[in-house]
N, C-alpha and C. Protein backbone atom coordinates (compact mmCIF):
# COMPACT_ATOMS: atom_id res chain seq x y z
N MET A 1 0.85 -1.25 -0.03
CA MET A 1 -0.04 0.00 -0.07
C MET A 1 0.93 1.23 -0.05
N THR A 2 0.63 2.15 -0.74
CA THR A 2 1.38 3.31 -0.93
C THR A 2 0.73 4.41 -0.28
N VAL A 3 1.38 5.38 0.44
CA VAL A 3 1.06 6.36 1.07
C VAL A 3 1.04 7.64 0.41
N PRO A 4 -0.20 8.41 0.01
CA PRO A 4 0.18 9.61 -0.71
C PRO A 4 1.06 10.55 -0.20
N PHE A 5 1.76 11.43 -0.91
CA PHE A 5 2.62 12.50 -0.26
C PHE A 5 1.72 13.76 -0.04
N ASP A 6 1.67 14.20 1.12
CA ASP A 6 1.02 15.33 1.49
C ASP A 6 1.98 16.49 1.49
N ALA A 7 1.97 17.36 0.37
CA ALA A 7 2.95 18.38 0.13
C ALA A 7 2.49 19.60 1.18
N PRO A 8 1.32 19.89 1.39
CA PRO A 8 1.07 21.01 2.33
C PRO A 8 1.54 20.60 3.83
N ALA A 9 1.25 19.41 4.14
CA ALA A 9 1.73 18.97 5.66
C ALA A 9 3.29 19.11 5.73
N TRP A 10 3.94 18.55 4.64
CA TRP A 10 5.54 18.48 4.82
C TRP A 10 5.98 19.90 4.62
N SER A 11 5.45 20.72 3.62
CA SER A 11 5.86 22.13 3.54
C SER A 11 5.62 22.91 4.86
N SER A 12 4.65 22.76 5.38
CA SER A 12 4.26 23.41 6.58
C SER A 12 5.24 22.92 7.80
N LEU A 13 5.43 21.62 7.99
CA LEU A 13 6.25 21.11 8.97
C LEU A 13 7.71 21.62 8.68
N LEU A 14 8.19 21.55 7.57
CA LEU A 14 9.57 21.86 7.36
C LEU A 14 9.80 23.31 7.31
N LEU A 15 8.80 24.30 6.88
CA LEU A 15 9.09 25.58 6.98
C LEU A 15 8.88 25.93 8.42
N GLY A 16 7.96 25.35 9.26
CA GLY A 16 7.67 25.67 10.58
C GLY A 16 8.89 25.45 11.42
N LEU A 17 9.67 24.19 11.23
CA LEU A 17 10.78 23.89 11.94
C LEU A 17 11.98 24.87 11.57
N ALA A 18 11.97 25.30 10.28
CA ALA A 18 13.04 26.33 10.03
C ALA A 18 12.74 27.65 10.76
N ALA A 19 11.57 28.15 10.77
CA ALA A 19 11.12 29.36 11.45
C ALA A 19 11.25 29.29 13.13
N LEU A 20 10.85 28.13 13.58
CA LEU A 20 10.92 27.97 14.92
C LEU A 20 12.45 28.01 15.45
N SER A 21 13.24 27.29 14.67
CA SER A 21 14.75 27.22 14.92
C SER A 21 15.32 28.49 14.82
N ALA A 22 15.03 29.28 13.81
CA ALA A 22 15.60 30.75 13.62
C ALA A 22 15.12 31.59 14.65
N GLY A 23 13.88 31.47 15.12
CA GLY A 23 13.35 32.32 16.22
C GLY A 23 14.02 31.90 17.53
N ILE A 24 14.29 30.76 17.92
CA ILE A 24 14.90 30.33 19.07
C ILE A 24 16.29 30.91 19.05
N GLY A 25 16.99 30.59 17.93
CA GLY A 25 18.39 31.15 17.84
C GLY A 25 18.41 32.74 17.99
N ALA A 26 17.57 33.37 17.43
CA ALA A 26 17.44 34.87 17.62
C ALA A 26 17.21 35.24 19.16
N LEU A 27 16.40 34.40 19.78
CA LEU A 27 16.22 34.80 21.25
C LEU A 27 17.41 34.42 22.03
N ARG A 28 18.11 33.30 21.62
CA ARG A 28 19.41 32.99 22.33
C ARG A 28 20.49 33.97 22.19
N LYS A 29 20.61 34.50 21.07
CA LYS A 29 21.67 35.38 20.73
C LYS A 29 21.12 36.56 20.17
N PRO A 30 20.73 37.61 21.05
CA PRO A 30 20.05 38.85 20.67
C PRO A 30 21.12 39.54 19.78
N GLY A 31 20.55 40.22 18.70
CA GLY A 31 21.51 40.93 17.75
C GLY A 31 22.02 40.00 16.61
N ILE A 32 21.76 38.79 16.51
CA ILE A 32 22.33 38.00 15.48
C ILE A 32 21.76 38.20 14.23
N TRP A 33 20.34 38.50 14.21
CA TRP A 33 19.70 38.85 12.86
C TRP A 33 20.27 40.03 12.32
N ARG A 34 20.47 41.09 13.26
CA ARG A 34 21.01 42.35 12.69
C ARG A 34 22.43 42.14 12.10
N THR A 35 23.27 41.38 12.84
CA THR A 35 24.61 41.18 12.18
C THR A 35 24.47 40.27 10.85
N MET A 36 23.57 39.36 10.73
CA MET A 36 23.24 38.61 9.60
C MET A 36 23.00 39.62 8.40
N ILE A 37 21.95 40.43 8.73
CA ILE A 37 21.49 41.45 7.76
C ILE A 37 22.63 42.34 7.28
N ASP A 38 23.40 42.83 8.21
CA ASP A 38 24.56 43.71 7.90
C ASP A 38 25.46 42.98 6.97
N GLU A 39 25.71 41.70 7.30
CA GLU A 39 26.66 40.93 6.44
C GLU A 39 26.21 40.86 4.89
N VAL A 40 24.93 40.60 4.83
CA VAL A 40 24.19 40.39 3.54
C VAL A 40 24.20 41.71 2.78
N ASN A 41 24.09 42.73 3.60
CA ASN A 41 23.93 44.17 2.92
C ASN A 41 25.32 44.52 2.34
N GLY A 42 26.40 43.99 3.11
CA GLY A 42 27.75 44.40 2.75
C GLY A 42 28.31 43.47 1.61
N SER A 43 27.73 42.33 1.18
CA SER A 43 28.17 41.53 0.24
C SER A 43 27.25 41.12 -0.85
N PRO A 44 27.65 41.72 -2.16
CA PRO A 44 26.88 41.30 -3.31
C PRO A 44 26.69 39.78 -3.60
N ALA A 45 27.65 39.15 -3.27
CA ALA A 45 27.61 37.59 -3.29
C ALA A 45 26.64 36.97 -2.43
N LEU A 46 26.63 37.48 -1.25
CA LEU A 46 25.54 37.03 -0.26
C LEU A 46 24.14 37.37 -0.68
N GLN A 47 24.05 38.60 -1.24
CA GLN A 47 22.75 39.17 -1.57
C GLN A 47 22.26 38.27 -2.74
N PHE A 48 23.05 37.91 -3.61
CA PHE A 48 22.65 36.98 -4.68
C PHE A 48 22.23 35.65 -4.15
N LEU A 49 23.12 35.03 -3.39
CA LEU A 49 22.90 33.73 -2.89
C LEU A 49 21.49 33.68 -2.02
N CYS A 50 21.36 34.81 -1.22
CA CYS A 50 20.05 34.71 -0.24
C CYS A 50 18.85 34.83 -1.19
N GLY A 51 18.96 35.73 -2.19
CA GLY A 51 17.74 35.89 -2.99
C GLY A 51 17.58 34.61 -3.92
N LEU A 52 18.53 34.00 -4.40
CA LEU A 52 18.51 32.79 -5.19
C LEU A 52 17.94 31.67 -4.34
N LEU A 53 18.39 31.50 -3.11
CA LEU A 53 17.97 30.43 -2.34
C LEU A 53 16.57 30.48 -1.91
N GLU A 54 16.19 31.84 -1.63
CA GLU A 54 14.71 31.97 -1.16
C GLU A 54 13.79 31.78 -2.53
N MET A 55 14.33 32.31 -3.62
CA MET A 55 13.51 31.92 -4.86
C MET A 55 13.17 30.59 -5.04
N LEU A 56 14.38 29.80 -4.78
CA LEU A 56 14.24 28.31 -5.01
C LEU A 56 13.35 27.73 -3.96
N ILE A 57 13.53 28.03 -2.62
CA ILE A 57 12.74 27.42 -1.79
C ILE A 57 11.12 27.86 -1.87
N GLY A 58 11.23 29.22 -2.15
CA GLY A 58 9.60 29.64 -2.26
C GLY A 58 9.06 29.04 -3.57
N GLY A 59 9.72 28.79 -4.61
CA GLY A 59 9.30 28.24 -5.83
C GLY A 59 8.83 26.89 -5.54
N ILE A 60 9.55 26.07 -4.95
CA ILE A 60 9.30 24.76 -4.56
C ILE A 60 8.07 24.57 -3.91
N ILE A 61 8.04 25.41 -2.89
CA ILE A 61 6.81 25.47 -1.92
C ILE A 61 5.45 25.79 -2.77
N TYR A 62 5.67 26.84 -3.60
CA TYR A 62 4.54 27.35 -4.34
C TYR A 62 4.15 26.28 -5.43
N LEU A 63 5.10 25.57 -6.14
CA LEU A 63 4.73 24.63 -7.12
C LEU A 63 4.34 23.37 -6.51
N ALA A 64 4.70 22.93 -5.42
CA ALA A 64 4.28 21.68 -4.77
C ALA A 64 2.87 21.66 -4.08
N ASN A 65 2.39 22.77 -3.84
CA ASN A 65 1.16 22.95 -3.20
C ASN A 65 0.05 23.34 -4.20
N PRO A 66 -1.01 22.56 -4.29
CA PRO A 66 -2.17 22.98 -5.15
C PRO A 66 -2.94 23.89 -4.49
N TRP A 67 -3.62 24.79 -5.29
CA TRP A 67 -4.66 25.81 -4.79
C TRP A 67 -5.99 24.99 -4.65
N VAL A 68 -6.42 24.51 -3.50
CA VAL A 68 -7.57 23.79 -3.33
C VAL A 68 -8.31 24.55 -2.23
N PRO A 69 -9.36 25.45 -2.59
CA PRO A 69 -10.04 26.24 -1.71
C PRO A 69 -10.57 25.67 -0.45
N SER A 70 -11.03 24.30 -0.51
CA SER A 70 -11.45 23.55 0.60
C SER A 70 -10.30 23.24 1.65
N ASP A 71 -9.10 23.35 1.14
CA ASP A 71 -7.81 22.89 2.07
C ASP A 71 -7.19 24.19 2.27
N VAL A 72 -7.33 24.73 3.63
CA VAL A 72 -6.81 25.93 3.90
C VAL A 72 -5.30 25.86 4.07
N LEU A 73 -4.70 24.78 4.55
CA LEU A 73 -3.35 24.62 4.68
C LEU A 73 -2.63 24.75 3.26
N SER A 74 -3.16 24.02 2.27
CA SER A 74 -2.56 24.00 1.01
C SER A 74 -2.62 25.57 0.31
N CYS A 75 -3.74 26.18 0.42
CA CYS A 75 -3.72 27.57 0.02
C CYS A 75 -2.78 28.52 0.76
N LEU A 76 -2.67 28.28 2.12
CA LEU A 76 -1.71 29.12 2.99
C LEU A 76 -0.32 28.79 2.49
N MET A 77 0.12 27.46 2.15
CA MET A 77 1.43 27.26 1.77
C MET A 77 1.79 27.77 0.50
N LYS A 78 0.79 27.78 -0.46
CA LYS A 78 0.99 28.20 -1.86
C LYS A 78 1.10 29.75 -1.68
N ALA A 79 0.31 30.45 -0.87
CA ALA A 79 0.46 31.89 -0.71
C ALA A 79 1.87 32.20 -0.13
N LEU A 80 2.33 31.48 0.90
CA LEU A 80 3.58 31.73 1.54
C LEU A 80 4.72 31.48 0.51
N GLY A 81 4.57 30.52 -0.27
CA GLY A 81 5.70 30.25 -1.29
C GLY A 81 5.69 31.46 -2.36
N GLY A 82 4.52 31.95 -2.65
CA GLY A 82 4.47 33.11 -3.49
C GLY A 82 4.95 34.33 -2.87
N LEU A 83 4.77 34.54 -1.57
CA LEU A 83 5.33 35.76 -0.97
C LEU A 83 6.86 35.39 -0.86
N MET A 84 7.27 34.28 -0.64
CA MET A 84 8.78 34.08 -0.51
C MET A 84 9.55 34.47 -1.88
N MET A 85 8.74 34.24 -3.09
CA MET A 85 9.32 34.54 -4.33
C MET A 85 9.37 36.03 -4.46
N ILE A 86 8.25 36.83 -4.01
CA ILE A 86 8.34 38.16 -4.05
C ILE A 86 9.38 38.76 -3.30
N GLU A 87 9.60 38.30 -2.08
CA GLU A 87 10.67 38.73 -1.25
C GLU A 87 12.06 38.68 -1.88
N ALA A 88 12.09 37.36 -2.54
CA ALA A 88 13.53 36.94 -3.16
C ALA A 88 13.85 38.03 -4.31
N ILE A 89 12.73 38.33 -5.06
CA ILE A 89 12.92 39.39 -6.06
C ILE A 89 13.30 40.86 -5.57
N ALA A 90 12.59 41.10 -4.31
CA ALA A 90 13.08 42.29 -3.57
C ALA A 90 14.54 42.32 -3.29
N ILE A 91 14.96 41.30 -2.66
CA ILE A 91 16.31 41.00 -2.31
C ILE A 91 17.31 41.18 -3.54
N LEU A 92 17.00 40.45 -4.58
CA LEU A 92 17.79 40.56 -5.85
C LEU A 92 17.91 41.75 -6.38
N ALA A 93 16.86 42.47 -6.45
CA ALA A 93 16.72 43.80 -7.06
C ALA A 93 17.05 45.01 -6.32
N PHE A 94 16.56 44.93 -5.05
CA PHE A 94 16.75 46.20 -4.29
C PHE A 94 17.24 45.92 -2.85
N CYS A 95 18.24 45.12 -2.81
CA CYS A 95 18.74 44.78 -1.42
C CYS A 95 19.08 45.78 -0.54
N ASP A 96 19.71 46.84 -1.08
CA ASP A 96 20.23 47.93 -0.39
C ASP A 96 19.09 48.64 0.39
N ILE A 97 18.00 48.87 -0.34
CA ILE A 97 16.80 49.37 0.33
C ILE A 97 16.06 48.49 1.15
N TYR A 98 15.82 47.15 0.75
CA TYR A 98 15.19 46.24 1.55
C TYR A 98 15.86 45.96 2.96
N THR A 99 17.14 45.90 2.80
CA THR A 99 17.78 45.53 4.10
C THR A 99 17.88 46.70 5.12
N GLN A 100 17.74 47.94 4.60
CA GLN A 100 17.86 49.07 5.50
C GLN A 100 16.33 49.04 6.21
N MET A 101 15.39 48.75 5.53
CA MET A 101 13.98 48.61 6.05
C MET A 101 14.16 47.57 7.24
N TRP A 102 14.75 46.53 7.09
CA TRP A 102 14.81 45.44 8.06
C TRP A 102 15.72 45.93 9.32
N LEU A 103 16.78 46.55 8.94
CA LEU A 103 17.79 47.06 9.94
C LEU A 103 16.95 47.91 10.90
N ARG A 104 16.29 48.84 10.38
CA ARG A 104 15.53 49.85 11.15
C ARG A 104 14.46 49.17 12.02
N SER A 105 13.87 48.20 11.48
CA SER A 105 12.82 47.35 12.25
C SER A 105 13.54 46.45 13.32
N LEU A 106 14.50 45.91 13.07
CA LEU A 106 15.25 44.99 14.06
C LEU A 106 15.78 45.83 15.19
N ALA A 107 16.17 47.14 14.82
CA ALA A 107 16.86 47.84 15.93
C ALA A 107 15.80 48.15 17.09
N ASN A 108 14.54 48.21 16.76
CA ASN A 108 13.51 48.44 17.77
C ASN A 108 12.83 47.37 18.30
N MET A 109 12.57 46.22 17.39
CA MET A 109 11.82 45.15 17.79
C MET A 109 12.43 43.86 17.58
N HIS A 110 13.68 43.67 18.01
CA HIS A 110 14.49 42.47 17.70
C HIS A 110 13.77 41.21 18.46
N ARG A 111 13.32 41.46 19.80
CA ARG A 111 12.84 40.37 20.57
C ARG A 111 11.43 40.11 20.01
N GLY A 112 10.60 41.26 19.66
CA GLY A 112 9.29 40.93 19.07
C GLY A 112 9.22 40.22 17.82
N TRP A 113 10.12 40.43 16.83
CA TRP A 113 10.27 39.67 15.64
C TRP A 113 10.65 38.23 16.02
N ALA A 114 11.60 38.10 16.92
CA ALA A 114 11.93 36.65 17.28
C ALA A 114 10.91 35.87 17.86
N ILE A 115 10.12 36.46 18.72
CA ILE A 115 8.93 35.79 19.37
C ILE A 115 7.87 35.59 18.24
N THR A 116 7.58 36.51 17.40
CA THR A 116 6.64 36.25 16.35
C THR A 116 7.06 35.07 15.43
N THR A 117 8.45 35.02 15.26
CA THR A 117 8.91 33.78 14.32
C THR A 117 8.74 32.54 15.07
N VAL A 118 8.83 32.47 16.28
CA VAL A 118 8.71 31.29 17.18
C VAL A 118 7.20 30.83 17.04
N VAL A 119 6.43 31.81 17.25
CA VAL A 119 4.93 31.59 17.15
C VAL A 119 4.49 31.07 15.87
N PHE A 120 4.90 31.78 14.89
CA PHE A 120 4.66 31.36 13.56
C PHE A 120 5.18 30.06 13.20
N GLY A 121 6.36 29.65 13.55
CA GLY A 121 7.00 28.34 13.39
C GLY A 121 6.11 27.25 14.23
N LEU A 122 5.76 27.54 15.29
CA LEU A 122 4.95 26.56 16.10
C LEU A 122 3.64 26.33 15.42
N ALA A 123 2.98 27.36 14.92
CA ALA A 123 1.70 27.25 14.29
C ALA A 123 1.94 26.41 12.96
N LEU A 124 2.89 26.73 12.26
CA LEU A 124 2.91 25.86 11.05
C LEU A 124 3.33 24.29 11.44
N ASN A 125 4.02 24.16 12.43
CA ASN A 125 4.45 22.81 12.80
C ASN A 125 3.12 22.04 13.27
N VAL A 126 2.33 22.72 14.05
CA VAL A 126 1.02 22.18 14.54
C VAL A 126 0.06 21.86 13.28
N ALA A 127 0.02 22.82 12.44
CA ALA A 127 -0.83 22.53 11.26
C ALA A 127 -0.35 21.40 10.42
N GLY A 128 1.01 21.35 10.16
CA GLY A 128 1.43 20.20 9.34
C GLY A 128 1.30 19.06 10.12
N ALA A 129 1.70 18.88 11.38
CA ALA A 129 1.70 17.60 12.06
C ALA A 129 0.21 17.07 12.23
N MET A 130 -0.76 17.88 12.33
CA MET A 130 -2.11 17.54 12.45
C MET A 130 -2.71 16.66 11.16
N ARG A 131 -1.98 16.82 10.08
CA ARG A 131 -2.26 16.19 8.79
C ARG A 131 -1.75 14.70 8.81
N PHE A 132 -0.79 14.37 9.69
CA PHE A 132 -0.30 13.02 9.84
C PHE A 132 -1.03 12.29 10.91
N ASN A 133 -1.78 11.32 10.60
CA ASN A 133 -2.62 10.59 11.44
C ASN A 133 -1.89 9.29 11.58
């Protein structure tokens, strides 16, 4: 008996684990995201790699998840994949402007963004895990 591959569940679980881990890391080491964004802002090679990697991951998530209006998780994951691709385009085309926006935001709300990322990661993990019976 073959088990069907549930792309929304796996996409949600894996993206949730990444967000949860990143948020925990940011809470453990305050200022780490600011340092990371400073490094990306200062390196055209890192800008290109970050944009390309996010385009790849966002594209995979977008293409793997069908738009099924009765399946909220599937629609959410497709939308997140699309948003990731839009952000990748912003990074590739306007990294200097885009990173400055994040640097200003992180200066005032580092802990808030980290907690939001942890909560978002937990929500995606729960939503994905609920599909595995």
